[in-house]
Amino acid sequence: MKRYAVVGLGSFGRNVVEQLFDEGKEVIAVDINEDAVRSCALISDRAVVADATDKDALRALELGDIDMAVVSLGERLDVITLVALHLKEMGVPYVAVKAISEDHRKILDAIGIDEVIQPEKEAARRLGKRLALHNVSDVLPIVAGYVVVSMTATDRIVGRKIGSLESKNIQVVAIQHSGESVPTLVPDDKKIIQTDDRLVILGSNREISNFTKRYCKVS
């Protein structure tokens, strides 16, 4: 089993700890603030008070033996960068860091951080993309130029076969009927769309935009 460490237990870090723990992963929660550590005592395998800027303190926690680390330490660029550097120098194979700005991201990239996270920027882009589409409840960018969207069937597509909506750059990857707890993955193209069905659709940005203009405006 992979071992994880989350350094910094603010709202973002605590939620990462909780999600990893809920997924059955072994996770160590670390922060200099005792109250923050205490709040993670029941949602982690080990919650520890430590100054992560002190490399010896990190070594004492045996963080060099973990598989993945997440660093989320507020707004101090110097503190975040130093802790990230310590973890890489200790041999942690994969380090993900919450950056505070685009310039900070460039610094983290330059020192070899494996993944740089900018939650506010990513959330803003996702929101903007969703608002630009018609009647779409969620948008998830995947590879460059492609997104997955979630929508409720409108009058324009109720009664149609799934195959009639699909094209080279549009694929219905899941459908969930009202009242069902489990969606049907990769549904048959002859399946008829019903009122209040929830559809998950994969497609290129352009084709998804055209699709929502054509089918997702409420009649």
Foldseek 3Di string as FASTA:
>chain_A
DAEEEEEAQDPVSVVVLQVCLVVVHAYEYEYQDPVSQVVCPVSHPYRDHDQLLDLVRCVVVVLLPGAEYEYDHPDDLVSQQSSQLSNVVSNRNAYEYEADDPVSVVVCVVSPHRHYDDPVVVVVVFVVLQVLFFQWDGWADDPPQKIKTKHWFAPQQAFHFQLVLDDPFKAFQWKDDPPDPDIDGRDDRRDGHHHRIMTIMMGGSVVRRVSRVPGRHHD
